[in-house]
Amino acid sequence: MLPVIYSEDFLLHKTGMLHPERPERLTAIVNALKAAPWAAQIEWQLPTPVAQREKALFSAIKKVHSQRYIKEVEHLAHRGGGYLDGDTPISAESYDVALLAASAWLDGVDRVVVAGEPAFVLARPPGHHAENARAMGFCLFSNAAIAAHYALEQPGINRVAILDWDVHHGNGTQSLVENCRQIAYCSLHQSPCYPGTGDADERGSYDNVLNIPLYPGSGIAEYRSAFESLVVPFLSKFQPDLLIVSAGYDAIVSDPLASMNLAPSDFGTFTGYCLQITSRLAFGLEGGYALKELAESVVATIERCLN
């Protein structure tokens, strides 16, 4: 059984009719997973309600976000919504949904730490562009960074790695973990592309950052080479007790926001490389905006974990 942590409350974060980061992303994935031939092997788990873990949750969030920024998101949402930045609209429910999403990522960590096997967090809004005091690129709270710092407080977890295979560089995640000796960050991303960060010469304070910019049009051959020559050696050398995957699926050839050439099945290949490093894998959804291919890509990720 593989846990998928999901709640229909994640659909309540409304971004507007034409916005690519929309609730239908999750419903497409849920429908595809329920139609998979191995659907009975999925354990659907609701995220822990915010009220049940409020102290621990806010402690984790405040490790990466300023109190002023958290209040900014709360106040804008509770006034009915608006724009945190030009790409990041929120609705009245978005603050509460973002807190629940962060809680779901902590649940993913908890399940993996206890079972030693993969889990998938199917939540929105995404997080890897959110910085300490700034929303960016559809992202409110930096879920992967929050989860990584939280994981370090769990028994037996001394080193946490984050692999970000979203097509966009996770500028927020990197900025929030690169000064922590116990966290490594690795990103494969299209360059040039939004947000314009993630240069290959950035190494972090402890040689704990590996950025792999890839040219537009790159496909599975380029990604395989990067995984085999760079990603797997870097992460294996770090020897993480837990690997968090910022699982974005916008490097698909049909994605409207990028220019890469991957197929949904390629994410099963990526997952296989991750399993070479550790079975303690916590996947969390980031980007991916071509609904059919997004759903097929998540199916490929989870299917590889079940084989």
Protein backbone atom coordinates (compact mmCIF):
# COMPACT_ATOMS: atom_id res chain seq x y z
CA MET A 1 0.00 0.00 0.00
CA LEU A 2 1.19 3.50 -0.81
CA PRO A 3 -0.27 6.43 1.11
CA VAL A 4 -1.69 9.34 -0.90
CA ILE A 5 -2.45 12.26 1.37
CA TYR A 6 -5.33 14.25 -0.07
CA SER A 7 -8.37 16.31 0.89
CA GLU A 8 -11.12 17.87 -1.21
CA ASP A 9 -10.49 21.00 0.85
CA PHE A 10 -7.46 21.58 -1.39
CA LEU A 11 -9.95 22.44 -4.14
CA LEU A 12 -11.12 25.49 -2.16
CA HIS A 13 -8.04 27.52 -3.06
CA LYS A 14 -9.51 29.49 -5.96
CA THR A 15 -7.27 31.27 -8.43
CA GLY A 16 -9.71 32.35 -11.16
CA MET A 17 -11.05 30.77 -14.32
CA LEU A 18 -8.01 31.30 -16.55
CA HIS A 19 -5.28 30.64 -14.01
CA PRO A 20 -3.17 27.53 -14.77
CA GLU A 21 -2.84 26.50 -11.09
CA ARG A 22 -6.46 25.46 -10.70
CA PRO A 23 -8.43 22.92 -8.65
CA GLU A 24 -8.96 20.71 -11.70
CA ARG A 25 -5.31 19.71 -11.48
CA LEU A 26 -6.09 17.64 -8.39
CA THR A 27 -9.38 16.20 -9.61
CA ALA A 28 -7.67 14.99 -12.80
CA ILE A 29 -5.00 13.22 -10.74
CA VAL A 30 -7.49 11.70 -8.30
CA ASN A 31 -9.64 10.34 -11.15
CA ALA A 32 -6.60 8.84 -12.88
CA LEU A 33 -5.36 7.18 -9.69
CA LYS A 34 -8.77 5.69 -8.95
CA ALA A 35 -8.91 4.30 -12.50
CA ALA A 36 -5.45 2.72 -12.34
CA PRO A 37 -5.37 -1.12 -12.40
CA TRP A 38 -3.55 -1.07 -9.05
CA ALA A 39 -5.91 1.45 -7.43
CA ALA A 40 -6.56 -0.95 -4.54
CA GLN A 41 -2.92 -0.53 -3.51
CA ILE A 42 -3.43 3.16 -2.73
CA GLU A 43 -4.23 4.14 0.84
CA TRP A 44 -6.08 7.45 0.74
CA GLN A 45 -5.27 9.47 3.85
CA LEU A 46 -6.76 12.78 4.96
CA PRO A 47 -4.24 15.37 6.15
CA THR A 48 -4.07 16.10 9.86
CA PRO A 49 -6.40 19.03 10.58
CA VAL A 50 -4.57 22.24 11.35
CA ALA A 51 -6.23 22.56 14.75
CA GLN A 52 -4.86 19.15 15.82
CA ARG A 53 -1.23 20.09 15.20
CA GLU A 54 -1.38 23.89 15.30
CA LYS A 55 1.64 24.40 17.56
CA ALA A 56 3.93 22.03 15.66
CA LEU A 57 2.69 23.28 12.28
CA PHE A 58 3.30 26.95 13.00
CA SER A 59 6.65 26.11 14.56
CA ALA A 60 7.63 24.44 11.29
CA ILE A 61 6.29 27.26 9.11
CA LYS A 62 8.04 29.94 11.18
CA LYS A 63 11.36 28.19 10.60
CA VAL A 64 11.17 29.37 6.98
CA HIS A 65 8.66 32.26 6.83
CA SER A 66 8.55 35.54 8.70
CA GLN A 67 5.68 36.21 11.08
CA ARG A 68 4.88 39.35 9.09
CA TYR A 69 4.53 37.39 5.86
CA ILE A 70 2.31 34.72 7.45
CA LYS A 71 0.03 37.49 8.73
CA GLU A 72 0.02 39.15 5.31
CA VAL A 73 -1.31 35.97 3.69
CA GLU A 74 -3.87 35.50 6.46
CA HIS A 75 -5.17 39.07 6.32
CA LEU A 76 -5.48 39.20 2.54
CA ALA A 77 -7.38 35.91 2.46
CA HIS A 78 -9.69 36.86 5.30
CA ARG A 79 -10.49 40.13 3.53
CA GLY A 80 -11.81 38.03 0.66
CA GLY A 81 -8.67 37.46 -1.34
CA GLY A 82 -6.53 39.33 -3.85
CA TYR A 83 -3.03 39.12 -5.30
CA LEU A 84 0.08 38.36 -3.23
CA ASP A 85 2.10 38.98 -6.38
CA GLY A 86 1.28 39.29 -10.05
CA ASP A 87 1.12 35.52 -10.56
CA THR A 88 -0.33 34.52 -7.21
CA PRO A 89 -4.00 35.23 -6.59
CA ILE A 90 -5.69 33.91 -3.48
CA SER A 91 -9.29 33.54 -2.36
CA ALA A 92 -10.96 33.77 1.02
CA GLU A 93 -10.15 30.14 1.81
CA SER A 94 -6.56 30.14 0.54
CA TYR A 95 -4.77 30.81 3.83
CA ASP A 96 -6.53 27.92 5.56
CA VAL A 97 -5.98 25.65 2.55
CA ALA A 98 -2.27 26.56 2.45
CA LEU A 99 -1.94 25.66 6.13
CA LEU A 100 -3.66 22.33 5.47
CA ALA A 101 -1.32 21.70 2.54
CA ALA A 102 1.69 22.30 4.77
CA SER A 103 0.18 19.91 7.33
CA ALA A 104 -0.21 17.31 4.58
CA TRP A 105 3.50 17.61 3.71
CA LEU A 106 4.31 17.02 7.39
CA ASP A 107 2.04 13.96 7.28
CA GLY A 108 4.03 12.73 4.30
CA VAL A 109 7.22 13.03 6.31
CA ASP A 110 5.64 11.25 9.26
CA ARG A 111 4.44 8.32 7.15
CA VAL A 112 7.81 7.86 5.45
CA VAL A 113 9.76 8.12 8.70
CA VAL A 114 7.60 5.47 10.37
CA ALA A 115 7.18 3.05 7.45
CA GLY A 116 10.45 3.61 5.59
CA GLU A 117 8.52 3.53 2.31
CA PRO A 118 7.26 6.17 -0.14
CA ALA A 119 4.25 8.44 0.30
CA PHE A 120 2.70 11.00 -2.06
CA VAL A 121 1.28 14.33 -0.90
CA LEU A 122 -1.42 15.43 -3.33
CA ALA A 123 -1.95 19.00 -2.17
CA ARG A 124 -2.13 22.55 -3.43
CA PRO A 125 -1.20 25.38 -3.47
CA PRO A 126 2.38 24.50 -4.45
CA GLY A 127 5.32 25.98 -2.59
CA HIS A 128 8.80 25.90 -4.09
CA HIS A 129 8.88 29.54 -5.27
CA ALA A 130 7.72 31.03 -1.94
CA GLU A 131 10.51 32.86 -0.14
CA ASN A 132 10.89 33.88 3.50
CA ALA A 133 8.71 36.98 3.15
CA ARG A 134 7.38 36.79 -0.39
CA ALA A 135 4.87 34.81 -2.43
CA MET A 136 5.89 33.98 -5.98
CA GLY A 137 4.84 31.86 -8.92
CA PHE A 138 1.54 30.46 -7.56
CA CYS A 139 3.22 29.53 -4.23
CA LEU A 140 2.19 30.64 -0.72
CA PHE A 141 4.18 28.60 1.81
CA SER A 142 7.40 26.74 0.98
CA ASN A 143 6.12 23.23 1.66
CA ALA A 144 9.29 21.30 0.84
CA ALA A 145 11.50 23.54 2.99
CA ILE A 146 8.97 23.41 5.84
CA ALA A 147 8.84 19.62 5.61
CA ALA A 148 12.63 19.32 5.50
CA HIS A 149 13.19 21.39 8.63
CA TYR A 150 10.36 19.51 10.37
CA ALA A 151 11.88 16.17 9.38
CA LEU A 152 15.15 17.02 11.12
CA GLU A 153 13.23 17.06 14.41
CA GLN A 154 12.06 13.47 13.95
CA PRO A 155 13.86 10.47 15.49
CA GLY A 156 16.64 9.05 13.35
CA ILE A 157 16.58 11.85 10.78
CA ASN A 158 19.89 13.71 10.68
CA ARG A 159 20.16 14.54 6.96
CA VAL A 160 17.36 15.46 4.55
CA ALA A 161 17.72 15.92 0.81
CA ILE A 162 15.29 17.71 -1.50
CA LEU A 163 15.14 16.80 -5.18
CA ASP A 164 13.21 19.33 -7.25
CA TRP A 165 12.37 18.05 -10.72
CA ASP A 166 9.81 20.78 -11.46
CA VAL A 167 10.70 22.51 -14.73
CA HIS A 168 11.14 25.81 -12.86
CA HIS A 169 13.94 26.33 -10.36
CA GLY A 170 12.78 26.25 -6.75
CA ASN A 171 14.25 29.59 -5.76
CA GLY A 172 12.28 29.68 -2.53
CA THR A 173 13.26 26.21 -1.40
CA GLN A 174 16.94 26.81 -2.14
CA SER A 175 17.01 30.11 -0.28
CA LEU A 176 15.41 28.53 2.77
CA VAL A 177 17.69 25.48 3.07
CA GLU A 178 21.05 26.40 1.54
CA ASN A 179 22.42 27.64 4.86
CA CYS A 180 21.55 24.42 6.70
CA ARG A 181 24.33 21.84 6.82
CA GLN A 182 21.82 19.01 7.34
CA ILE A 183 19.77 19.70 4.20
CA ALA A 184 20.85 19.20 0.58
CA TYR A 185 19.00 20.70 -2.38
CA CYS A 186 19.16 19.51 -5.99
CA SER A 187 17.19 20.99 -8.88
CA LEU A 188 16.89 20.11 -12.55
CA HIS A 189 15.20 22.98 -14.40
CA GLN A 190 14.78 24.64 -17.75
CA SER A 191 17.08 27.59 -18.33
CA PRO A 192 16.36 30.24 -19.39
CA CYS A 193 12.96 30.15 -17.76
CA TYR A 194 11.01 31.64 -14.85
CA PRO A 195 12.14 32.66 -12.23
CA GLY A 196 15.62 33.13 -13.71
CA THR A 197 17.48 31.62 -10.76
CA GLY A 198 19.37 28.37 -10.23
CA ASP A 199 22.78 28.89 -11.76
CA ALA A 200 25.07 25.87 -11.87
CA ASP A 201 27.79 27.65 -9.89
CA GLU A 202 25.59 28.04 -6.79
CA ARG A 203 26.80 25.51 -4.23
CA GLY A 204 25.20 26.51 -0.92
CA SER A 205 26.99 27.28 2.32
CA TYR A 206 28.14 23.67 2.79
CA ASP A 207 28.44 22.43 -0.81
CA ASN A 208 24.87 21.27 -0.26
CA VAL A 209 23.26 22.72 -3.42
CA LEU A 210 23.36 21.25 -6.91
CA ASN A 211 21.60 23.14 -9.70
CA ILE A 212 21.36 21.54 -13.13
CA PRO A 213 20.09 24.04 -15.72
CA LEU A 214 18.88 22.33 -18.90
CA TYR A 215 18.29 23.90 -22.28
CA PRO A 216 14.73 24.30 -23.61
CA GLY A 217 13.81 21.24 -25.65
CA SER A 218 15.63 18.80 -23.39
CA GLY A 219 14.09 15.34 -23.19
CA ILE A 220 14.68 12.02 -21.49
CA ALA A 221 18.20 11.60 -22.90
CA GLU A 222 19.39 14.83 -21.29
CA TYR A 223 17.58 14.08 -18.05
CA ARG A 224 18.98 10.53 -17.88
CA SER A 225 22.47 11.87 -18.33
CA ALA A 226 21.92 14.44 -15.59
CA PHE A 227 20.51 11.87 -13.17
CA GLU A 228 23.27 9.34 -13.76
CA SER A 229 26.25 11.68 -13.81
CA LEU A 230 25.14 14.36 -11.33
CA VAL A 231 21.93 13.81 -9.35
CA VAL A 232 22.42 10.26 -8.11
CA PRO A 233 26.11 10.75 -7.17
CA PHE A 234 25.37 14.05 -5.38
CA LEU A 235 22.44 12.71 -3.37
CA SER A 236 24.09 9.34 -2.67
CA LYS A 237 27.18 11.07 -1.32
CA PHE A 238 25.00 13.15 1.01
CA GLN A 239 23.41 9.92 2.34
CA PRO A 240 20.01 11.37 3.27
CA ASP A 241 17.87 9.71 5.92
CA LEU A 242 14.88 11.08 3.98
CA LEU A 243 14.48 12.29 0.39
CA ILE A 244 11.75 14.84 -0.28
CA VAL A 245 10.78 15.23 -3.93
CA SER A 246 9.30 18.51 -5.14
CA ALA A 247 7.35 16.67 -7.81
CA GLY A 248 6.46 19.13 -10.54
CA TYR A 249 5.26 17.77 -13.86
CA ASP A 250 5.60 20.82 -16.09
CA ALA A 251 8.57 19.47 -18.07
CA ILE A 252 6.00 17.49 -20.09
CA VAL A 253 6.11 18.33 -23.80
CA SER A 254 2.49 19.56 -23.75
CA ASP A 255 2.80 21.83 -20.72
CA PRO A 256 1.76 25.42 -21.54
CA LEU A 257 4.29 27.10 -19.24
CA ALA A 258 7.57 25.50 -20.35
CA SER A 259 9.42 24.10 -23.37
CA MET A 260 10.73 20.67 -22.42
CA ASN A 261 10.10 17.31 -24.11
CA LEU A 262 9.37 14.73 -21.44
CA ALA A 263 6.64 12.09 -21.57
CA PRO A 264 4.57 11.03 -18.52
CA SER A 265 6.38 7.67 -18.36
CA ASP A 266 9.68 9.47 -17.87
CA PHE A 267 8.69 10.36 -14.34
CA GLY A 268 8.59 6.67 -13.54
CA THR A 269 12.22 6.59 -14.68
CA PHE A 270 13.04 9.52 -12.38
CA THR A 271 11.37 7.70 -9.51
CA GLY A 272 13.51 4.66 -10.19
CA TYR A 273 16.64 6.77 -9.80
CA CYS A 274 15.29 8.07 -6.48
CA LEU A 275 14.67 4.54 -5.26
CA GLN A 276 18.35 3.79 -5.92
CA ILE A 277 19.16 6.35 -3.25
CA THR A 278 16.57 5.50 -0.60
CA SER A 279 13.09 4.05 -0.14
CA ARG A 280 12.36 6.87 2.31
CA LEU A 281 10.73 9.06 -0.34
CA ALA A 282 8.18 11.78 0.37
CA PHE A 283 6.74 13.13 -2.88
CA GLY A 284 4.81 16.39 -2.88
CA LEU A 285 3.03 17.97 -5.83
CA GLU A 286 4.42 21.20 -7.27
CA GLY A 287 3.68 22.31 -10.86
CA GLY A 288 2.22 20.68 -13.96
CA TYR A 289 -0.58 22.29 -15.96
CA ALA A 290 -1.51 19.99 -18.86
CA LEU A 291 -4.22 18.09 -16.99
CA LYS A 292 -4.23 14.73 -18.79
CA GLU A 293 -0.44 14.43 -18.91
CA LEU A 294 -0.12 15.71 -15.34
CA ALA A 295 -2.38 12.92 -14.13
CA GLU A 296 -0.54 10.32 -16.23
CA SER A 297 2.77 11.50 -14.80
CA VAL A 298 1.63 11.11 -11.20
CA VAL A 299 0.31 7.66 -12.08
CA ALA A 300 3.75 6.76 -13.50
CA THR A 301 5.47 8.03 -10.35
CA ILE A 302 3.31 6.02 -7.98
CA GLU A 303 3.28 2.92 -10.18
CA ARG A 304 7.09 2.80 -10.07
CA CYS A 305 6.97 2.87 -6.28
CA LEU A 306 4.58 -0.09 -6.25
CA ASN A 307 6.67 -2.29 -8.57
